[in-house]
Amino acid sequence: MRKYRITTVTDPVTTTVTFINNDLVMVEVPAEMEPVRKSRFLSVVPVTFEEFKAWMQNKNFVVQEVPQDLSFEAFWLRYNYKVGKKERAKKLWQSMTDDEHAAALLSIKKYNAYLINHPTIERAYPETWLSQRRWENSF
C-alpha cells in the first residue's frame, strides 16, 4: 500500500490518495474543499500507480509519500476492540501479506460506520474479523 498527500502550490488544502498494488483505492478530500474543486481534482487524479508516478511530475502539486504502519499494533489500536485472544489475532495478522494488511486497515473505518448504522449487529472479535477476512465484505 502506498499513500500520498497532495497539496496544490496555490492553496494549502491537502488531499490524500491510496494505492494498493497498482490501483487507486481511496481518495480523501477535505470537507472544506469547494464542490467544484473536488470535482475537478477527482476528474484528474490517475487511477493507476504507473499513471500517478508520471502525474507527480506536475509542478502544480506537491506530492509526499505517507509512511504506513502495517504492524499488528497499528491494527490493534485502530480496530479498538480489546476482547478475545490477542495472541491468536497477532498470529493471524503475521500470516497475512502487506497488501492484506493495508486492505484490512483501510476497511476498519467503513466497518465502524456500518456498525453505527446497524446497531443490532455485534462487533466481531479481532481474531474473528481476521480469520474470516471480514475486511473483504461490502460495508
C-alpha atoms as a PDB file:
ATOM      1  CA  MET A   1       0.000   0.000   0.000  1.00  0.00           C
ATOM      2  CA  ARG A   2       1.226   3.466  -0.843  1.00  0.00           C
ATOM      3  CA  LYS A   3      -0.374   6.605   0.478  1.00  0.00           C
ATOM      4  CA  TYR A   4       0.380  10.128  -0.753  1.00  0.00           C
ATOM      5  CA  ARG A   5      -0.530  13.614   0.442  1.00  0.00           C
ATOM      6  CA  ILE A   6      -1.146  16.072  -2.368  1.00  0.00           C
ATOM      7  CA  THR A   7      -1.116  19.820  -1.855  1.00  0.00           C
ATOM      8  CA  THR A   8      -1.638  22.363  -4.601  1.00  0.00           C
ATOM      9  CA  VAL A   9       1.025  25.013  -4.985  1.00  0.00           C
ATOM     10  CA  THR A  10      -1.547  27.829  -4.836  1.00  0.00           C
ATOM     11  CA  ASP A  11      -3.686  26.530  -1.959  1.00  0.00           C
ATOM     12  CA  PRO A  12      -2.745  24.707   1.276  1.00  0.00           C
ATOM     13  CA  VAL A  13      -5.677  22.246   1.049  1.00  0.00           C
ATOM     14  CA  THR A  14      -4.333  18.694   1.254  1.00  0.00           C
ATOM     15  CA  THR A  15      -5.875  15.570  -0.255  1.00  0.00           C
ATOM     16  CA  THR A  16      -4.701  12.010   0.214  1.00  0.00           C
ATOM     17  CA  VAL A  17      -4.660   9.149  -2.276  1.00  0.00           C
ATOM     18  CA  THR A  18      -4.030   5.497  -1.504  1.00  0.00           C
ATOM     19  CA  PHE A  19      -2.906   2.784  -3.929  1.00  0.00           C
ATOM     20  CA  ILE A  20      -2.908  -0.958  -3.285  1.00  0.00           C
ATOM     21  CA  ASN A  21      -0.823  -2.857  -5.783  1.00  0.00           C
ATOM     22  CA  ASN A  22      -1.237  -0.697  -8.883  1.00  0.00           C
ATOM     23  CA  ASP A  23      -4.798   0.501  -8.241  1.00  0.00           C
ATOM     24  CA  LEU A  24      -6.197   3.655  -6.687  1.00  0.00           C
ATOM     25  CA  VAL A  25      -8.404   2.500  -3.798  1.00  0.00           C
ATOM     26  CA  MET A  26      -9.097   5.661  -1.817  1.00  0.00           C
ATOM     27  CA  VAL A  27      -9.172   9.419  -2.267  1.00  0.00           C
ATOM     28  CA  GLU A  28      -9.615  11.510   0.865  1.00  0.00           C
ATOM     29  CA  VAL A  29     -10.753  15.046   0.102  1.00  0.00           C
ATOM     30  CA  PRO A  30     -11.147  17.549   2.952  1.00  0.00           C
ATOM     31  CA  ALA A  31     -14.694  18.636   3.725  1.00  0.00           C
ATOM     32  CA  GLU A  32     -13.765  22.295   3.375  1.00  0.00           C
ATOM     33  CA  MET A  33     -12.811  21.902  -0.281  1.00  0.00           C
ATOM     34  CA  GLU A  34     -15.406  23.519  -2.544  1.00  0.00           C
ATOM     35  CA  PRO A  35     -17.506  21.087  -4.613  1.00  0.00           C
ATOM     36  CA  VAL A  36     -16.215  22.472  -7.931  1.00  0.00           C
ATOM     37  CA  ARG A  37     -12.590  21.958  -6.863  1.00  0.00           C
ATOM     38  CA  LYS A  38     -13.390  18.466  -5.529  1.00  0.00           C
ATOM     39  CA  SER A  39     -14.962  17.517  -8.820  1.00  0.00           C
ATOM     40  CA  ARG A  40     -12.043  18.942 -10.806  1.00  0.00           C
ATOM     41  CA  PHE A  41      -9.479  17.144  -8.621  1.00  0.00           C
ATOM     42  CA  LEU A  42     -11.313  13.813  -8.812  1.00  0.00           C
ATOM     43  CA  SER A  43     -11.517  14.094 -12.592  1.00  0.00           C
ATOM     44  CA  VAL A  44      -7.732  14.404 -12.999  1.00  0.00           C
ATOM     45  CA  VAL A  45      -6.290  12.088 -10.349  1.00  0.00           C
ATOM     46  CA  PRO A  46      -4.859   8.953 -12.028  1.00  0.00           C
ATOM     47  CA  VAL A  47      -6.397   5.566 -11.251  1.00  0.00           C
ATOM     48  CA  THR A  48      -3.206   3.510 -11.572  1.00  0.00           C
ATOM     49  CA  PHE A  49       0.071   3.943  -9.742  1.00  0.00           C
ATOM     50  CA  GLU A  50       2.006   3.962 -13.024  1.00  0.00           C
ATOM     51  CA  GLU A  51      -0.024   6.954 -14.239  1.00  0.00           C
ATOM     52  CA  PHE A  52       0.337   8.565 -10.817  1.00  0.00           C
ATOM     53  CA  LYS A  53       4.155   8.419 -10.976  1.00  0.00           C
ATOM     54  CA  ALA A  54       4.068  10.469 -14.191  1.00  0.00           C
ATOM     55  CA  TRP A  55       1.407  12.767 -12.731  1.00  0.00           C
ATOM     56  CA  MET A  56       3.647  13.516  -9.711  1.00  0.00           C
ATOM     57  CA  GLN A  57       5.934  15.470 -12.040  1.00  0.00           C
ATOM     58  CA  ASN A  58       3.192  18.111 -12.402  1.00  0.00           C
ATOM     59  CA  LYS A  59       4.561  21.334 -10.947  1.00  0.00           C
ATOM     60  CA  ASN A  60       1.109  22.456  -9.730  1.00  0.00           C
ATOM     61  CA  PHE A  61       1.177  19.892  -6.911  1.00  0.00           C
ATOM     62  CA  VAL A  62       3.462  18.967  -4.039  1.00  0.00           C
ATOM     63  CA  VAL A  63       3.306  15.193  -3.505  1.00  0.00           C
ATOM     64  CA  GLN A  64       4.652  13.473  -0.381  1.00  0.00           C
ATOM     65  CA  GLU A  65       4.587   9.755   0.397  1.00  0.00           C
ATOM     66  CA  VAL A  66       2.986   8.999   3.759  1.00  0.00           C
ATOM     67  CA  PRO A  67       4.774   6.289   5.746  1.00  0.00           C
ATOM     68  CA  GLN A  68       2.424   3.433   6.572  1.00  0.00           C
ATOM     69  CA  ASP A  69       2.476   1.388   9.733  1.00  0.00           C
ATOM     70  CA  LEU A  70       1.276  -2.092   8.821  1.00  0.00           C
ATOM     71  CA  SER A  71       2.154  -3.613  12.175  1.00  0.00           C
ATOM     72  CA  PHE A  72      -0.172  -5.678  14.313  1.00  0.00           C
ATOM     73  CA  GLU A  73      -0.090  -2.928  16.947  1.00  0.00           C
ATOM     74  CA  ALA A  74      -1.410  -0.447  14.373  1.00  0.00           C
ATOM     75  CA  PHE A  75      -4.270  -2.854  13.649  1.00  0.00           C
ATOM     76  CA  TRP A  76      -4.935  -3.482  17.352  1.00  0.00           C
ATOM     77  CA  LEU A  77      -5.122   0.242  18.086  1.00  0.00           C
ATOM     78  CA  ARG A  78      -7.241   1.086  15.045  1.00  0.00           C
ATOM     79  CA  TYR A  79      -9.673  -1.840  15.452  1.00  0.00           C
ATOM     80  CA  ASN A  80     -10.064  -0.751  19.076  1.00  0.00           C
ATOM     81  CA  TYR A  81     -11.995  -3.731  20.427  1.00  0.00           C
ATOM     82  CA  LYS A  82      -9.720  -5.305  23.018  1.00  0.00           C
ATOM     83  CA  VAL A  83     -11.525  -8.611  23.536  1.00  0.00           C
ATOM     84  CA  GLY A  84     -10.808 -12.204  22.639  1.00  0.00           C
ATOM     85  CA  LYS A  85      -7.412 -13.735  22.125  1.00  0.00           C
ATOM     86  CA  LYS A  86      -4.872 -11.076  21.209  1.00  0.00           C
ATOM     87  CA  GLU A  87      -2.101 -13.615  20.580  1.00  0.00           C
ATOM     88  CA  ARG A  88      -4.279 -15.551  18.114  1.00  0.00           C
ATOM     89  CA  ALA A  89      -5.155 -12.318  16.323  1.00  0.00           C
ATOM     90  CA  LYS A  90      -1.453 -11.446  16.197  1.00  0.00           C
ATOM     91  CA  LYS A  91      -0.589 -14.806  14.610  1.00  0.00           C
ATOM     92  CA  LEU A  92      -3.330 -14.339  12.024  1.00  0.00           C
ATOM     93  CA  TRP A  93      -2.006 -10.842  11.258  1.00  0.00           C
ATOM     94  CA  GLN A  94       1.524 -12.168  10.844  1.00  0.00           C
ATOM     95  CA  SER A  95       0.313 -14.735   8.301  1.00  0.00           C
ATOM     96  CA  MET A  96      -1.129 -12.000   6.070  1.00  0.00           C
ATOM     97  CA  THR A  97       0.601 -10.130   3.234  1.00  0.00           C
ATOM     98  CA  ASP A  98       1.249  -6.384   3.340  1.00  0.00           C
ATOM     99  CA  ASP A  99      -1.498  -5.823   0.773  1.00  0.00           C
ATOM    100  CA  GLU A 100      -3.915  -7.724   3.021  1.00  0.00           C
ATOM    101  CA  HIS A 101      -2.715  -5.650   6.000  1.00  0.00           C
ATOM    102  CA  ALA A 102      -3.375  -2.463   4.072  1.00  0.00           C
ATOM    103  CA  ALA A 103      -6.811  -3.590   2.892  1.00  0.00           C
ATOM    104  CA  ALA A 104      -7.763  -4.672   6.422  1.00  0.00           C
ATOM    105  CA  LEU A 105      -6.611  -1.385   7.951  1.00  0.00           C
ATOM    106  CA  LEU A 106      -8.416   0.667   5.310  1.00  0.00           C
ATOM    107  CA  SER A 107     -11.706  -1.168   5.800  1.00  0.00           C
ATOM    108  CA  ILE A 108     -11.882  -0.643   9.584  1.00  0.00           C
ATOM    109  CA  LYS A 109     -13.293   2.860   9.142  1.00  0.00           C
ATOM    110  CA  LYS A 110     -16.041   1.572   6.807  1.00  0.00           C
ATOM    111  CA  TYR A 111     -16.770  -1.304   9.188  1.00  0.00           C
ATOM    112  CA  ASN A 112     -17.158   1.128  12.106  1.00  0.00           C
ATOM    113  CA  ALA A 113     -19.588   3.250  10.088  1.00  0.00           C
ATOM    114  CA  TYR A 114     -21.523   0.114   9.122  1.00  0.00           C
ATOM    115  CA  LEU A 115     -21.836  -0.911  12.776  1.00  0.00           C
ATOM    116  CA  ILE A 116     -23.115   2.536  13.731  1.00  0.00           C
ATOM    117  CA  ASN A 117     -25.815   2.265  11.059  1.00  0.00           C
ATOM    118  CA  HIS A 118     -26.688  -1.313  12.098  1.00  0.00           C
ATOM    119  CA  PRO A 119     -26.775  -1.216  15.913  1.00  0.00           C
ATOM    120  CA  THR A 120     -28.208  -4.732  16.248  1.00  0.00           C
ATOM    121  CA  ILE A 121     -25.080  -6.270  14.707  1.00  0.00           C
ATOM    122  CA  GLU A 122     -22.378  -7.111  17.210  1.00  0.00           C
ATOM    123  CA  ARG A 123     -18.796  -6.154  16.519  1.00  0.00           C
ATOM    124  CA  ALA A 124     -16.614  -9.141  15.601  1.00  0.00           C
ATOM    125  CA  TYR A 125     -13.746 -10.081  17.888  1.00  0.00           C
ATOM    126  CA  PRO A 126     -10.436  -9.063  16.271  1.00  0.00           C
ATOM    127  CA  GLU A 127      -9.345 -12.651  15.615  1.00  0.00           C
ATOM    128  CA  THR A 128     -12.726 -13.484  14.058  1.00  0.00           C
ATOM    129  CA  TRP A 129     -12.551 -10.420  11.841  1.00  0.00           C
ATOM    130  CA  LEU A 130      -9.109 -11.504  10.646  1.00  0.00           C
ATOM    131  CA  SER A 131      -9.717 -15.266  10.338  1.00  0.00           C
ATOM    132  CA  GLN A 132     -12.934 -14.720   8.363  1.00  0.00           C
ATOM    133  CA  ARG A 133     -11.337 -11.995   6.239  1.00  0.00           C
ATOM    134  CA  ARG A 134     -14.194  -9.658   7.089  1.00  0.00           C
ATOM    135  CA  TRP A 135     -12.337  -6.712   5.546  1.00  0.00           C
ATOM    136  CA  GLU A 136     -13.345  -8.183   2.172  1.00  0.00           C
ATOM    137  CA  ASN A 137     -17.064  -7.770   2.965  1.00  0.00           C
ATOM    138  CA  SER A 138     -19.064  -4.929   1.467  1.00  0.00           C
ATOM    139  CA  PHE A 139     -19.961  -2.394   4.114  1.00  0.00           C
END
